[in-house]
Amino acid sequence: MPLASGSGVYSMSSGQVVQVYASCGGFAGKPVRVDHGDGRYMYAHVNAAVSVGQWLEPGSYVGSVYGGAGPVYCNSSLTSCGIAWSSS
């Protein structure tokens, strides 16, 4: 889903933040991994505004789109850093 750099990123459903990465290979901002109950999803290409252990409701603010080099977009995936499945 193409988004402008700095755009808000919001939780797709309720869940708990299980990891906030310092970086993900140096290319994806500060990604966030959330356990939504049906799997752990990674919000990549995001500058996190949440912390580990934080509970998110649907529509909770997760962070902003990372404006690094190349196309700016946000995706969710079932793995961390090495993306095996994603919706983007």
N, C-alpha and C. Protein backbone atom coordinates (compact mmCIF):
# COMPACT_ATOMS: atom_id res chain seq x y z
N MET A 1 0.85 -1.16 0.00
CA MET A 1 0.00 0.00 0.00
C MET A 1 0.90 1.24 0.00
N PRO A 2 1.02 1.96 -1.10
CA PRO A 2 1.89 3.14 -1.15
C PRO A 2 1.37 4.25 -0.23
N LEU A 3 2.26 4.80 0.55
CA LEU A 3 1.93 5.89 1.47
C LEU A 3 3.03 6.93 1.42
N ALA A 4 2.68 8.17 1.69
CA ALA A 4 3.66 9.24 1.71
C ALA A 4 4.50 9.15 2.98
N SER A 5 5.77 9.50 2.86
CA SER A 5 6.65 9.52 4.02
C SER A 5 6.05 10.38 5.12
N GLY A 6 6.06 9.86 6.35
CA GLY A 6 5.51 10.59 7.49
C GLY A 6 4.04 10.33 7.74
N SER A 7 3.36 9.63 6.82
CA SER A 7 1.95 9.29 7.03
C SER A 7 1.80 8.38 8.25
N GLY A 8 0.66 8.47 8.92
CA GLY A 8 0.40 7.64 10.08
C GLY A 8 0.17 6.19 9.69
N VAL A 9 0.63 5.27 10.55
CA VAL A 9 0.40 3.84 10.40
C VAL A 9 -0.38 3.39 11.62
N TYR A 10 -1.46 2.63 11.40
CA TYR A 10 -2.38 2.28 12.47
C TYR A 10 -2.57 0.77 12.55
N SER A 11 -2.81 0.28 13.75
CA SER A 11 -3.00 -1.15 13.98
C SER A 11 -4.21 -1.67 13.23
N MET A 12 -4.05 -2.84 12.57
CA MET A 12 -5.16 -3.41 11.82
C MET A 12 -6.15 -4.15 12.71
N SER A 13 -5.74 -4.54 13.91
CA SER A 13 -6.64 -5.16 14.88
C SER A 13 -5.98 -5.08 16.26
N SER A 14 -6.66 -5.56 17.27
CA SER A 14 -6.09 -5.49 18.61
C SER A 14 -4.93 -6.47 18.73
N GLY A 15 -3.99 -6.15 19.61
CA GLY A 15 -2.85 -7.02 19.82
C GLY A 15 -1.80 -6.36 20.70
N GLN A 16 -0.77 -7.13 21.03
CA GLN A 16 0.29 -6.65 21.90
C GLN A 16 1.59 -6.51 21.13
N VAL A 17 2.28 -5.40 21.36
CA VAL A 17 3.59 -5.17 20.74
C VAL A 17 4.58 -6.13 21.40
N VAL A 18 5.23 -6.97 20.58
CA VAL A 18 6.18 -7.94 21.11
C VAL A 18 7.62 -7.59 20.79
N GLN A 19 7.84 -6.72 19.81
CA GLN A 19 9.20 -6.32 19.48
C GLN A 19 9.19 -5.00 18.72
N VAL A 20 10.16 -4.15 19.05
CA VAL A 20 10.41 -2.94 18.29
C VAL A 20 11.88 -3.01 17.89
N TYR A 21 12.14 -3.03 16.60
CA TYR A 21 13.49 -3.19 16.10
C TYR A 21 14.21 -1.85 16.05
N ALA A 22 15.51 -1.88 16.37
CA ALA A 22 16.33 -0.68 16.21
C ALA A 22 16.45 -0.38 14.72
N SER A 23 16.49 -1.43 13.91
CA SER A 23 16.48 -1.34 12.46
C SER A 23 16.23 -2.74 11.93
N CYS A 24 16.05 -2.86 10.64
CA CYS A 24 15.84 -4.17 10.02
C CYS A 24 16.72 -4.23 8.79
N GLY A 25 17.98 -4.52 8.99
CA GLY A 25 18.91 -4.53 7.87
C GLY A 25 19.25 -3.13 7.40
N GLY A 26 18.90 -2.12 8.20
CA GLY A 26 19.23 -0.74 7.86
C GLY A 26 18.37 -0.14 6.77
N PHE A 27 17.26 -0.78 6.40
CA PHE A 27 16.48 -0.26 5.28
C PHE A 27 15.02 -0.03 5.59
N ALA A 28 14.56 -0.34 6.77
CA ALA A 28 13.12 -0.31 7.00
C ALA A 28 12.70 0.53 8.19
N GLY A 29 13.44 1.57 8.50
CA GLY A 29 13.06 2.42 9.63
C GLY A 29 13.23 1.69 10.94
N LYS A 30 12.20 1.74 11.78
CA LYS A 30 12.20 1.10 13.10
C LYS A 30 10.94 0.24 13.18
N PRO A 31 10.98 -0.97 12.55
CA PRO A 31 9.79 -1.82 12.45
C PRO A 31 9.24 -2.28 13.79
N VAL A 32 7.99 -2.69 13.77
CA VAL A 32 7.27 -3.13 14.95
C VAL A 32 6.67 -4.51 14.68
N ARG A 33 6.78 -5.41 15.65
CA ARG A 33 6.16 -6.73 15.54
C ARG A 33 5.05 -6.81 16.57
N VAL A 34 3.84 -7.18 16.11
CA VAL A 34 2.65 -7.21 16.98
C VAL A 34 2.02 -8.59 16.91
N ASP A 35 1.65 -9.12 18.08
CA ASP A 35 0.90 -10.38 18.14
C ASP A 35 -0.58 -10.01 18.12
N HIS A 36 -1.23 -10.30 17.00
CA HIS A 36 -2.66 -9.98 16.84
C HIS A 36 -3.56 -11.16 17.21
N GLY A 37 -2.99 -12.22 17.78
CA GLY A 37 -3.78 -13.37 18.20
C GLY A 37 -3.84 -14.47 17.16
N ASP A 38 -3.76 -14.11 15.90
CA ASP A 38 -3.77 -15.11 14.83
C ASP A 38 -2.41 -15.20 14.16
N GLY A 39 -1.42 -14.63 14.79
CA GLY A 39 -0.05 -14.62 14.26
C GLY A 39 0.64 -13.33 14.64
N ARG A 40 1.94 -13.32 14.48
CA ARG A 40 2.73 -12.11 14.76
C ARG A 40 3.01 -11.41 13.44
N TYR A 41 2.63 -10.17 13.37
CA TYR A 41 2.76 -9.39 12.14
C TYR A 41 3.80 -8.30 12.33
N MET A 42 4.57 -8.06 11.28
CA MET A 42 5.58 -7.02 11.32
C MET A 42 5.13 -5.83 10.49
N TYR A 43 5.07 -4.69 11.12
CA TYR A 43 4.79 -3.43 10.43
C TYR A 43 6.15 -2.88 10.04
N ALA A 44 6.51 -3.05 8.77
CA ALA A 44 7.84 -2.66 8.29
C ALA A 44 7.77 -1.29 7.61
N HIS A 45 8.93 -0.69 7.42
CA HIS A 45 9.03 0.64 6.79
C HIS A 45 8.27 1.67 7.62
N VAL A 46 8.40 1.52 8.95
CA VAL A 46 7.69 2.36 9.92
C VAL A 46 8.71 2.89 10.92
N ASN A 47 8.51 4.11 11.38
CA ASN A 47 9.24 4.64 12.53
C ASN A 47 8.32 4.47 13.74
N ALA A 48 8.65 3.51 14.59
CA ALA A 48 7.78 3.12 15.70
C ALA A 48 7.53 4.24 16.70
N ALA A 49 6.29 4.28 17.19
CA ALA A 49 5.91 5.20 18.25
C ALA A 49 5.27 4.41 19.40
N VAL A 50 5.58 3.11 19.46
CA VAL A 50 5.04 2.22 20.48
C VAL A 50 6.19 1.55 21.21
N SER A 51 5.87 0.83 22.29
CA SER A 51 6.91 0.13 23.04
C SER A 51 6.48 -1.30 23.31
N VAL A 52 7.45 -2.15 23.58
CA VAL A 52 7.19 -3.56 23.85
C VAL A 52 6.25 -3.69 25.04
N GLY A 53 5.26 -4.56 24.89
CA GLY A 53 4.28 -4.79 25.94
C GLY A 53 3.02 -3.95 25.81
N GLN A 54 3.09 -2.92 24.98
CA GLN A 54 1.94 -2.02 24.80
C GLN A 54 0.80 -2.76 24.11
N TRP A 55 -0.43 -2.55 24.59
CA TRP A 55 -1.62 -3.14 23.98
C TRP A 55 -2.19 -2.16 22.96
N LEU A 56 -2.50 -2.66 21.78
CA LEU A 56 -3.07 -1.84 20.72
C LEU A 56 -4.51 -2.27 20.44
N GLU A 57 -5.36 -1.32 20.25
CA GLU A 57 -6.73 -1.55 19.80
C GLU A 57 -6.76 -1.32 18.29
N PRO A 58 -7.79 -1.81 17.61
CA PRO A 58 -7.88 -1.52 16.17
C PRO A 58 -7.82 -0.01 15.92
N GLY A 59 -6.96 0.40 15.02
CA GLY A 59 -6.82 1.81 14.70
C GLY A 59 -5.86 2.58 15.59
N SER A 60 -5.19 1.90 16.55
CA SER A 60 -4.21 2.57 17.40
C SER A 60 -3.03 3.02 16.55
N TYR A 61 -2.48 4.18 16.88
CA TYR A 61 -1.32 4.72 16.17
C TYR A 61 -0.10 3.86 16.47
N VAL A 62 0.56 3.34 15.44
CA VAL A 62 1.76 2.51 15.58
C VAL A 62 3.02 3.35 15.34
N GLY A 63 2.96 4.27 14.39
CA GLY A 63 4.10 5.11 14.05
C GLY A 63 3.86 5.79 12.72
N SER A 64 4.93 6.25 12.11
CA SER A 64 4.81 6.92 10.82
C SER A 64 5.62 6.17 9.76
N VAL A 65 5.24 6.36 8.51
CA VAL A 65 5.93 5.71 7.40
C VAL A 65 7.36 6.23 7.32
N TYR A 66 8.30 5.31 7.23
CA TYR A 66 9.72 5.62 7.12
C TYR A 66 10.01 6.20 5.75
N GLY A 67 10.76 7.29 5.70
CA GLY A 67 11.05 7.96 4.44
C GLY A 67 12.46 7.74 3.96
N GLY A 68 12.92 6.48 4.00
CA GLY A 68 14.26 6.17 3.53
C GLY A 68 14.34 6.17 2.01
N ALA A 69 15.45 5.72 1.49
CA ALA A 69 15.67 5.69 0.04
C ALA A 69 14.73 4.69 -0.63
N GLY A 70 14.36 4.97 -1.84
CA GLY A 70 13.48 4.07 -2.60
C GLY A 70 12.02 4.35 -2.32
N PRO A 71 11.13 3.49 -2.84
CA PRO A 71 9.70 3.70 -2.64
C PRO A 71 9.33 3.60 -1.17
N VAL A 72 8.40 4.41 -0.77
CA VAL A 72 7.94 4.42 0.62
C VAL A 72 6.64 3.63 0.69
N TYR A 73 6.60 2.62 1.54
CA TYR A 73 5.38 1.85 1.71
C TYR A 73 5.39 1.14 3.06
N CYS A 74 4.26 0.64 3.46
CA CYS A 74 4.11 -0.10 4.70
C CYS A 74 3.58 -1.48 4.35
N ASN A 75 4.09 -2.51 5.02
CA ASN A 75 3.53 -3.84 4.80
C ASN A 75 3.45 -4.58 6.13
N SER A 76 2.68 -5.63 6.15
CA SER A 76 2.63 -6.50 7.32
C SER A 76 3.08 -7.87 6.86
N SER A 77 3.81 -8.57 7.73
CA SER A 77 4.32 -9.87 7.34
C SER A 77 4.31 -10.82 8.51
N LEU A 78 4.38 -12.11 8.22
CA LEU A 78 4.35 -13.13 9.25
C LEU A 78 5.74 -13.51 9.74
N THR A 79 6.77 -12.86 9.25
CA THR A 79 8.12 -13.12 9.71
C THR A 79 8.79 -11.79 10.03
N SER A 80 9.97 -11.85 10.61
CA SER A 80 10.70 -10.63 10.89
C SER A 80 11.87 -10.50 9.93
N CYS A 81 12.03 -9.35 9.37
CA CYS A 81 13.11 -8.98 8.44
C CYS A 81 13.14 -9.82 7.18
N GLY A 82 13.27 -11.14 7.25
CA GLY A 82 13.22 -11.98 6.06
C GLY A 82 11.76 -12.26 5.76
N ILE A 83 11.16 -11.49 4.89
CA ILE A 83 9.72 -11.55 4.70
C ILE A 83 9.32 -12.75 3.85
N ALA A 84 8.54 -13.66 4.46
CA ALA A 84 8.07 -14.84 3.76
C ALA A 84 6.69 -14.59 3.15
N TRP A 85 5.89 -13.79 3.78
CA TRP A 85 4.55 -13.45 3.30
C TRP A 85 4.31 -12.00 3.64
N SER A 86 3.73 -11.28 2.74
CA SER A 86 3.40 -9.89 3.05
C SER A 86 2.21 -9.43 2.25
N SER A 87 1.54 -8.43 2.81
CA SER A 87 0.49 -7.75 2.06
C SER A 87 0.97 -6.33 1.90
N SER A 88 1.22 -5.91 0.68
CA SER A 88 1.75 -4.56 0.47
C SER A 88 1.17 -3.96 -0.78
